[in-house]
Amino acid sequence: MILANVRERFTATDIELVTELLARGDVGHKAQLTRVAQERGLGALLDAPDLPVLLRQAPRLGQPSPALFVYVVVRHALRRVGVSSERLSDYLGALVLEFGLRDRAYRISHADDEIYRYLTDIVAHAASASGRRGFLLRAHLGNLSLWLAGLYPDHITAREERRGGPGLRYYEELGAQGYRLASDHRVARELDMSDIYEAAAASFRPIRIALNRLSDRMLFPHVSTPGRLMRQVADEFGQ
């Protein structure tokens, strides 16, 4: 299952890289940044406004680990829409990393053999499942909804226009529902995850918008369609 643990995957090299990039060659400033990280935590440095650009421009031999890069770009995208929770950023960074591996996005766990490509199948199975599997299905409903609507909105919009498929609101509603149901589950409380699921449910739409902007800018920067323009305008003006 997805846990809020992407920051635990940072390496000592990552921390060194962050201080070097932010110091921009100033040895004294680097020492000061190191003290800040020690006293206030690395988060005080990771929220630096220019860090995402600096990481993208890092020389090849000094590139960040996938965990560091994904956390920083997701964290900054979320903060721009008013979602400030570090734990939620940690969770969503882990989600993006793990769902990017092969077909992991369509399984409720690495070891599960069942493939879920449609949200309706997850809803149907979750209605009758109990225990840990029931919890995983509810969390996966939120996770898969956010993965698809967050990083592949153009695909959803195109399918809606061509085939009358469900639009982004459908994914928002089902995704928020999945997270709400997961937050109330005994397993979520045992794992100290209830607050993360509650926050994801309450902020599903702004999170979706944050991931859309990240996807538009970094994953599919050269796409220009009427559907994308209409989505961006609607999101900008809260429609």
C-alpha atoms as a PDB file:
ATOM      1  CA  MET A   1       0.000   0.000   0.000  1.00  0.00           C
ATOM      2  CA  ILE A   2       0.992   3.629  -0.370  1.00  0.00           C
ATOM      3  CA  LEU A   3       2.449   5.220   2.756  1.00  0.00           C
ATOM      4  CA  ALA A   4       3.575   8.771   3.470  1.00  0.00           C
ATOM      5  CA  ASN A   5       7.237   7.809   3.301  1.00  0.00           C
ATOM      6  CA  VAL A   6       8.808   9.419   0.255  1.00  0.00           C
ATOM      7  CA  ARG A   7      10.938  11.708   2.452  1.00  0.00           C
ATOM      8  CA  GLU A   8      12.365   8.625   4.150  1.00  0.00           C
ATOM      9  CA  ARG A   9      13.873   7.683   0.789  1.00  0.00           C
ATOM     10  CA  PHE A  10      16.057  10.778   0.588  1.00  0.00           C
ATOM     11  CA  THR A  11      19.767  10.030   0.593  1.00  0.00           C
ATOM     12  CA  ALA A  12      22.648  11.875   2.217  1.00  0.00           C
ATOM     13  CA  THR A  13      23.634  12.902  -1.308  1.00  0.00           C
ATOM     14  CA  ASP A  14      20.200  14.482  -1.787  1.00  0.00           C
ATOM     15  CA  ILE A  15      20.585  16.627   1.308  1.00  0.00           C
ATOM     16  CA  GLU A  16      24.056  17.694   0.218  1.00  0.00           C
ATOM     17  CA  LEU A  17      22.730  18.533  -3.230  1.00  0.00           C
ATOM     18  CA  VAL A  18      19.924  20.709  -1.863  1.00  0.00           C
ATOM     19  CA  THR A  19      22.290  22.788   0.269  1.00  0.00           C
ATOM     20  CA  GLU A  20      24.765  23.156  -2.604  1.00  0.00           C
ATOM     21  CA  LEU A  21      22.122  24.275  -5.079  1.00  0.00           C
ATOM     22  CA  LEU A  22      20.549  26.777  -2.722  1.00  0.00           C
ATOM     23  CA  ALA A  23      23.940  28.127  -1.631  1.00  0.00           C
ATOM     24  CA  ARG A  24      24.968  28.719  -5.265  1.00  0.00           C
ATOM     25  CA  GLY A  25      28.643  28.222  -4.491  1.00  0.00           C
ATOM     26  CA  ASP A  26      28.715  30.376  -1.343  1.00  0.00           C
ATOM     27  CA  VAL A  27      30.482  28.259   1.301  1.00  0.00           C
ATOM     28  CA  GLY A  28      29.284  30.408   4.187  1.00  0.00           C
ATOM     29  CA  HIS A  29      25.701  30.299   2.971  1.00  0.00           C
ATOM     30  CA  LYS A  30      25.910  26.527   2.581  1.00  0.00           C
ATOM     31  CA  ALA A  31      27.033  26.175   6.187  1.00  0.00           C
ATOM     32  CA  GLN A  32      24.123  28.362   7.272  1.00  0.00           C
ATOM     33  CA  LEU A  33      21.659  26.260   5.269  1.00  0.00           C
ATOM     34  CA  THR A  34      23.064  23.097   6.819  1.00  0.00           C
ATOM     35  CA  ARG A  35      22.435  24.524  10.284  1.00  0.00           C
ATOM     36  CA  VAL A  36      18.885  25.465   9.315  1.00  0.00           C
ATOM     37  CA  ALA A  37      18.236  21.906   8.135  1.00  0.00           C
ATOM     38  CA  GLN A  38      19.632  20.510  11.381  1.00  0.00           C
ATOM     39  CA  GLU A  39      17.659  22.863  13.619  1.00  0.00           C
ATOM     40  CA  ARG A  40      14.357  23.197  11.760  1.00  0.00           C
ATOM     41  CA  GLY A  41      14.324  20.110   9.567  1.00  0.00           C
ATOM     42  CA  LEU A  42      14.978  19.656   5.866  1.00  0.00           C
ATOM     43  CA  GLY A  43      11.476  20.892   5.050  1.00  0.00           C
ATOM     44  CA  ALA A  44      12.646  24.447   5.707  1.00  0.00           C
ATOM     45  CA  LEU A  45      14.967  24.106   2.706  1.00  0.00           C
ATOM     46  CA  LEU A  46      12.710  22.036   0.473  1.00  0.00           C
ATOM     47  CA  ASP A  47      10.110  24.804   0.462  1.00  0.00           C
ATOM     48  CA  ALA A  48      12.569  27.326  -1.015  1.00  0.00           C
ATOM     49  CA  PRO A  49      10.705  28.846  -4.005  1.00  0.00           C
ATOM     50  CA  ASP A  50      13.527  28.371  -6.505  1.00  0.00           C
ATOM     51  CA  LEU A  51      14.400  24.779  -5.580  1.00  0.00           C
ATOM     52  CA  PRO A  52      12.272  23.029  -8.259  1.00  0.00           C
ATOM     53  CA  VAL A  53      14.016  24.959 -11.036  1.00  0.00           C
ATOM     54  CA  LEU A  54      17.445  24.384  -9.488  1.00  0.00           C
ATOM     55  CA  LEU A  55      16.802  20.629  -9.298  1.00  0.00           C
ATOM     56  CA  ARG A  56      15.706  20.486 -12.936  1.00  0.00           C
ATOM     57  CA  GLN A  57      18.852  22.342 -13.956  1.00  0.00           C
ATOM     58  CA  ALA A  58      21.220  20.297 -11.765  1.00  0.00           C
ATOM     59  CA  PRO A  59      24.266  18.951 -13.635  1.00  0.00           C
ATOM     60  CA  ARG A  60      24.050  15.313 -14.676  1.00  0.00           C
ATOM     61  CA  LEU A  61      26.517  14.090 -12.048  1.00  0.00           C
ATOM     62  CA  GLY A  62      24.626  15.909  -9.322  1.00  0.00           C
ATOM     63  CA  GLN A  63      21.077  14.964 -10.186  1.00  0.00           C
ATOM     64  CA  PRO A  64      18.559  14.415  -7.385  1.00  0.00           C
ATOM     65  CA  SER A  65      17.148  11.004  -6.573  1.00  0.00           C
ATOM     66  CA  PRO A  66      13.650  10.309  -7.945  1.00  0.00           C
ATOM     67  CA  ALA A  67      12.269  10.572  -4.397  1.00  0.00           C
ATOM     68  CA  LEU A  68      13.705  14.055  -3.840  1.00  0.00           C
ATOM     69  CA  PHE A  69      12.709  15.389  -7.234  1.00  0.00           C
ATOM     70  CA  VAL A  70       9.147  14.057  -7.119  1.00  0.00           C
ATOM     71  CA  TYR A  71       8.573  15.250  -3.561  1.00  0.00           C
ATOM     72  CA  VAL A  72       9.794  18.764  -4.320  1.00  0.00           C
ATOM     73  CA  VAL A  73       7.807  19.274  -7.529  1.00  0.00           C
ATOM     74  CA  VAL A  74       4.644  17.806  -5.990  1.00  0.00           C
ATOM     75  CA  ARG A  75       5.103  19.804  -2.783  1.00  0.00           C
ATOM     76  CA  HIS A  76       5.504  23.093  -4.635  1.00  0.00           C
ATOM     77  CA  ALA A  77       2.574  22.368  -6.953  1.00  0.00           C
ATOM     78  CA  LEU A  78       0.356  21.718  -3.936  1.00  0.00           C
ATOM     79  CA  ARG A  79       1.468  24.832  -2.086  1.00  0.00           C
ATOM     80  CA  ARG A  80       0.571  26.955  -5.106  1.00  0.00           C
ATOM     81  CA  VAL A  81      -3.077  25.878  -4.728  1.00  0.00           C
ATOM     82  CA  GLY A  82      -3.104  26.349  -0.952  1.00  0.00           C
ATOM     83  CA  VAL A  83      -2.500  22.734   0.138  1.00  0.00           C
ATOM     84  CA  SER A  84       0.284  23.061   2.704  1.00  0.00           C
ATOM     85  CA  SER A  85       0.383  19.751   4.617  1.00  0.00           C
ATOM     86  CA  GLU A  86       3.837  18.164   4.527  1.00  0.00           C
ATOM     87  CA  ARG A  87       2.374  14.741   5.342  1.00  0.00           C
ATOM     88  CA  LEU A  88      -0.033  14.973   2.442  1.00  0.00           C
ATOM     89  CA  SER A  89       2.807  16.068   0.153  1.00  0.00           C
ATOM     90  CA  ASP A  90       4.795  13.094   1.409  1.00  0.00           C
ATOM     91  CA  TYR A  91       1.919  10.731   0.654  1.00  0.00           C
ATOM     92  CA  LEU A  92       1.194  12.122  -2.799  1.00  0.00           C
ATOM     93  CA  GLY A  93       4.881  12.058  -3.700  1.00  0.00           C
ATOM     94  CA  ALA A  94       4.952   8.366  -2.783  1.00  0.00           C
ATOM     95  CA  LEU A  95       1.799   7.824  -4.847  1.00  0.00           C
ATOM     96  CA  VAL A  96       3.328   9.399  -7.957  1.00  0.00           C
ATOM     97  CA  LEU A  97       6.540   7.394  -7.557  1.00  0.00           C
ATOM     98  CA  GLU A  98       4.884   4.038  -6.987  1.00  0.00           C
ATOM     99  CA  PHE A  99       2.090   4.343  -9.534  1.00  0.00           C
ATOM    100  CA  GLY A 100       4.675   5.151 -12.175  1.00  0.00           C
ATOM    101  CA  LEU A 101       6.052   1.598 -11.913  1.00  0.00           C
ATOM    102  CA  ARG A 102       4.679  -0.792 -14.545  1.00  0.00           C
ATOM    103  CA  ASP A 103       1.012  -1.584 -13.777  1.00  0.00           C
ATOM    104  CA  ARG A 104       1.130  -0.679 -10.090  1.00  0.00           C
ATOM    105  CA  ALA A 105      -1.551   1.981 -10.584  1.00  0.00           C
ATOM    106  CA  TYR A 106      -4.075  -0.748 -11.377  1.00  0.00           C
ATOM    107  CA  ARG A 107      -3.358  -3.003  -8.401  1.00  0.00           C
ATOM    108  CA  ILE A 108      -4.358  -2.367  -4.797  1.00  0.00           C
ATOM    109  CA  SER A 109      -0.921  -3.591  -3.698  1.00  0.00           C
ATOM    110  CA  HIS A 110       2.264  -4.906  -5.270  1.00  0.00           C
ATOM    111  CA  ALA A 111       1.386  -8.494  -4.398  1.00  0.00           C
ATOM    112  CA  ASP A 112      -2.254  -8.436  -5.506  1.00  0.00           C
ATOM    113  CA  ASP A 113      -3.067 -10.287  -8.732  1.00  0.00           C
ATOM    114  CA  GLU A 114      -6.298  -8.455  -9.554  1.00  0.00           C
ATOM    115  CA  ILE A 115      -6.139  -5.663 -12.122  1.00  0.00           C
ATOM    116  CA  TYR A 116      -8.566  -2.736 -11.740  1.00  0.00           C
ATOM    117  CA  ARG A 117      -8.753  -0.508 -14.802  1.00  0.00           C
ATOM    118  CA  TYR A 118     -12.193   0.935 -14.086  1.00  0.00           C
ATOM    119  CA  LEU A 119     -13.328   2.801 -10.997  1.00  0.00           C
ATOM    120  CA  THR A 120     -16.706   1.091 -11.144  1.00  0.00           C
ATOM    121  CA  ASP A 121     -15.020  -2.280 -10.588  1.00  0.00           C
ATOM    122  CA  ILE A 122     -13.291  -0.951  -7.472  1.00  0.00           C
ATOM    123  CA  VAL A 123     -16.583   0.444  -6.158  1.00  0.00           C
ATOM    124  CA  ALA A 124     -18.348  -2.875  -6.741  1.00  0.00           C
ATOM    125  CA  HIS A 125     -15.661  -4.932  -5.022  1.00  0.00           C
ATOM    126  CA  ALA A 126     -15.265  -2.465  -2.145  1.00  0.00           C
ATOM    127  CA  ALA A 127     -18.986  -2.716  -1.355  1.00  0.00           C
ATOM    128  CA  SER A 128     -18.642  -6.376  -0.391  1.00  0.00           C
ATOM    129  CA  ALA A 129     -15.040  -6.529   0.813  1.00  0.00           C
ATOM    130  CA  SER A 130     -14.098  -6.334   4.475  1.00  0.00           C
ATOM    131  CA  GLY A 131     -10.966  -6.215   6.602  1.00  0.00           C
ATOM    132  CA  ARG A 132      -7.672  -5.139   5.115  1.00  0.00           C
ATOM    133  CA  ARG A 133      -8.742  -5.821   1.531  1.00  0.00           C
ATOM    134  CA  GLY A 134     -11.792  -3.632   1.970  1.00  0.00           C
ATOM    135  CA  PHE A 135      -9.562  -0.845   3.250  1.00  0.00           C
ATOM    136  CA  LEU A 136      -7.100  -1.232   0.363  1.00  0.00           C
ATOM    137  CA  LEU A 137      -9.925  -1.058  -2.180  1.00  0.00           C
ATOM    138  CA  ARG A 138     -11.293   2.143  -0.655  1.00  0.00           C
ATOM    139  CA  ALA A 139      -7.867   3.775  -0.558  1.00  0.00           C
ATOM    140  CA  HIS A 140      -7.187   2.607  -4.106  1.00  0.00           C
ATOM    141  CA  LEU A 141     -10.415   4.209  -5.312  1.00  0.00           C
ATOM    142  CA  GLY A 142      -9.025   7.530  -4.125  1.00  0.00           C
ATOM    143  CA  ASN A 143      -5.522   6.855  -5.388  1.00  0.00           C
ATOM    144  CA  LEU A 144      -6.456   5.692  -8.890  1.00  0.00           C
ATOM    145  CA  SER A 145      -8.999   8.484  -9.319  1.00  0.00           C
ATOM    146  CA  LEU A 146      -6.337  11.042  -8.425  1.00  0.00           C
ATOM    147  CA  TRP A 147      -3.662   9.407 -10.555  1.00  0.00           C
ATOM    148  CA  LEU A 148      -5.856   9.421 -13.666  1.00  0.00           C
ATOM    149  CA  ALA A 149      -7.551  12.787 -13.158  1.00  0.00           C
ATOM    150  CA  GLY A 150      -4.383  14.434 -11.855  1.00  0.00           C
ATOM    151  CA  LEU A 151      -1.757  13.332 -14.351  1.00  0.00           C
ATOM    152  CA  TYR A 152      -3.836  12.368 -17.397  1.00  0.00           C
ATOM    153  CA  PRO A 153      -6.642  14.943 -17.580  1.00  0.00           C
ATOM    154  CA  ASP A 154      -6.295  15.394 -21.353  1.00  0.00           C
ATOM    155  CA  HIS A 155      -7.026  11.698 -21.868  1.00  0.00           C
ATOM    156  CA  ILE A 156     -10.146  11.943 -19.712  1.00  0.00           C
ATOM    157  CA  THR A 157     -11.316  15.095 -21.496  1.00  0.00           C
ATOM    158  CA  ALA A 158     -10.729  13.593 -24.944  1.00  0.00           C
ATOM    159  CA  ARG A 159     -12.592  10.404 -24.039  1.00  0.00           C
ATOM    160  CA  GLU A 160     -15.459  12.461 -22.647  1.00  0.00           C
ATOM    161  CA  GLU A 161     -15.706  14.461 -25.877  1.00  0.00           C
ATOM    162  CA  ARG A 162     -15.418  11.494 -28.253  1.00  0.00           C
ATOM    163  CA  ARG A 163     -17.278   8.741 -26.432  1.00  0.00           C
ATOM    164  CA  GLY A 164     -19.336  10.454 -23.783  1.00  0.00           C
ATOM    165  CA  GLY A 165     -17.145   9.051 -20.991  1.00  0.00           C
ATOM    166  CA  PRO A 166     -17.151  10.459 -17.466  1.00  0.00           C
ATOM    167  CA  GLY A 167     -15.475  13.800 -16.944  1.00  0.00           C
ATOM    168  CA  LEU A 168     -13.141  15.093 -14.272  1.00  0.00           C
ATOM    169  CA  ARG A 169     -15.965  15.781 -11.811  1.00  0.00           C
ATOM    170  CA  TYR A 170     -16.808  12.082 -11.805  1.00  0.00           C
ATOM    171  CA  TYR A 171     -13.236  11.249 -10.808  1.00  0.00           C
ATOM    172  CA  GLU A 172     -13.244  13.972  -8.169  1.00  0.00           C
ATOM    173  CA  GLU A 173     -16.440  12.671  -6.573  1.00  0.00           C
ATOM    174  CA  LEU A 174     -15.445   9.003  -6.562  1.00  0.00           C
ATOM    175  CA  GLY A 175     -11.891   9.776  -5.486  1.00  0.00           C
ATOM    176  CA  ALA A 176     -12.988  11.926  -2.559  1.00  0.00           C
ATOM    177  CA  GLN A 177     -15.501   9.247  -1.579  1.00  0.00           C
ATOM    178  CA  GLY A 178     -12.792   6.577  -1.608  1.00  0.00           C
ATOM    179  CA  TYR A 179     -10.511   8.639   0.615  1.00  0.00           C
ATOM    180  CA  ARG A 180     -13.343   9.445   3.033  1.00  0.00           C
ATOM    181  CA  LEU A 181     -14.252   5.777   3.374  1.00  0.00           C
ATOM    182  CA  ALA A 182     -10.588   4.851   3.832  1.00  0.00           C
ATOM    183  CA  SER A 183     -10.124   7.489   6.544  1.00  0.00           C
ATOM    184  CA  ASP A 184     -12.881   5.910   8.657  1.00  0.00           C
ATOM    185  CA  HIS A 185     -11.452   2.416   8.423  1.00  0.00           C
ATOM    186  CA  ARG A 186      -9.809   0.663  11.360  1.00  0.00           C
ATOM    187  CA  VAL A 187      -6.664  -0.056   9.318  1.00  0.00           C
ATOM    188  CA  ALA A 188      -6.201   3.658   8.559  1.00  0.00           C
ATOM    189  CA  ARG A 189      -6.325   4.435  12.274  1.00  0.00           C
ATOM    190  CA  GLU A 190      -3.841   1.671  13.045  1.00  0.00           C
ATOM    191  CA  LEU A 191      -1.446   3.065  10.440  1.00  0.00           C
ATOM    192  CA  ASP A 192      -1.967   6.682  11.552  1.00  0.00           C
ATOM    193  CA  MET A 193      -3.189   7.519   8.049  1.00  0.00           C
ATOM    194  CA  SER A 194      -6.700   8.800   8.793  1.00  0.00           C
ATOM    195  CA  ASP A 195      -5.667  12.454   8.734  1.00  0.00           C
ATOM    196  CA  ILE A 196      -3.987  12.044   5.338  1.00  0.00           C
ATOM    197  CA  TYR A 197      -7.051  10.462   3.760  1.00  0.00           C
ATOM    198  CA  GLU A 198      -9.309  13.094   5.323  1.00  0.00           C
ATOM    199  CA  ALA A 199      -7.134  15.878   3.937  1.00  0.00           C
ATOM    200  CA  ALA A 200      -7.006  14.240   0.489  1.00  0.00           C
ATOM    201  CA  ALA A 201     -10.806  13.915   0.446  1.00  0.00           C
ATOM    202  CA  ALA A 202     -11.380  17.501   1.567  1.00  0.00           C
ATOM    203  CA  SER A 203      -8.882  18.939  -0.938  1.00  0.00           C
ATOM    204  CA  PHE A 204      -9.334  16.517  -3.827  1.00  0.00           C
ATOM    205  CA  ARG A 205     -10.193  19.157  -6.417  1.00  0.00           C
ATOM    206  CA  PRO A 206      -7.313  21.555  -5.640  1.00  0.00           C
ATOM    207  CA  ILE A 207      -4.955  18.572  -5.518  1.00  0.00           C
ATOM    208  CA  ARG A 208      -6.237  17.474  -8.914  1.00  0.00           C
ATOM    209  CA  ILE A 209      -5.676  20.981 -10.280  1.00  0.00           C
ATOM    210  CA  ALA A 210      -2.146  21.085  -8.825  1.00  0.00           C
ATOM    211  CA  LEU A 211      -1.260  17.767 -10.459  1.00  0.00           C
ATOM    212  CA  ASN A 212      -2.864  18.887 -13.730  1.00  0.00           C
ATOM    213  CA  ARG A 213      -0.630  21.943 -13.835  1.00  0.00           C
ATOM    214  CA  LEU A 214       2.383  19.792 -13.031  1.00  0.00           C
ATOM    215  CA  SER A 215       1.459  17.343 -15.783  1.00  0.00           C
ATOM    216  CA  ASP A 216       0.771  20.113 -18.321  1.00  0.00           C
ATOM    217  CA  ARG A 217       4.126  21.723 -17.600  1.00  0.00           C
ATOM    218  CA  MET A 218       6.421  18.726 -17.154  1.00  0.00           C
ATOM    219  CA  LEU A 219       4.893  15.588 -18.657  1.00  0.00           C
ATOM    220  CA  PHE A 220       2.984  16.869 -21.689  1.00  0.00           C
ATOM    221  CA  PRO A 221       4.257  20.408 -22.296  1.00  0.00           C
ATOM    222  CA  HIS A 222       3.674  20.451 -26.050  1.00  0.00           C
ATOM    223  CA  VAL A 223      -0.002  19.496 -26.051  1.00  0.00           C
ATOM    224  CA  SER A 224      -2.358  22.244 -27.160  1.00  0.00           C
ATOM    225  CA  THR A 225      -6.012  21.307 -27.524  1.00  0.00           C
ATOM    226  CA  PRO A 226      -9.328  23.074 -27.007  1.00  0.00           C
ATOM    227  CA  GLY A 227     -10.115  20.580 -24.248  1.00  0.00           C
ATOM    228  CA  ARG A 228      -6.982  21.502 -22.311  1.00  0.00           C
ATOM    229  CA  LEU A 229      -7.643  25.207 -22.722  1.00  0.00           C
ATOM    230  CA  MET A 230     -11.228  24.849 -21.500  1.00  0.00           C
ATOM    231  CA  ARG A 231     -10.079  22.819 -18.488  1.00  0.00           C
ATOM    232  CA  GLN A 232      -7.411  25.360 -17.584  1.00  0.00           C
ATOM    233  CA  VAL A 233      -9.867  28.246 -17.854  1.00  0.00           C
ATOM    234  CA  ALA A 234     -12.484  26.406 -15.767  1.00  0.00           C
ATOM    235  CA  ASP A 235      -9.927  25.569 -13.077  1.00  0.00           C
ATOM    236  CA  GLU A 236      -8.545  29.095 -13.027  1.00  0.00           C
ATOM    237  CA  PHE A 237     -11.957  30.658 -12.478  1.00  0.00           C
ATOM    238  CA  GLY A 238     -13.388  27.952 -10.221  1.00  0.00           C
ATOM    239  CA  GLN A 239     -16.050  26.671 -12.614  1.00  0.00           C
END
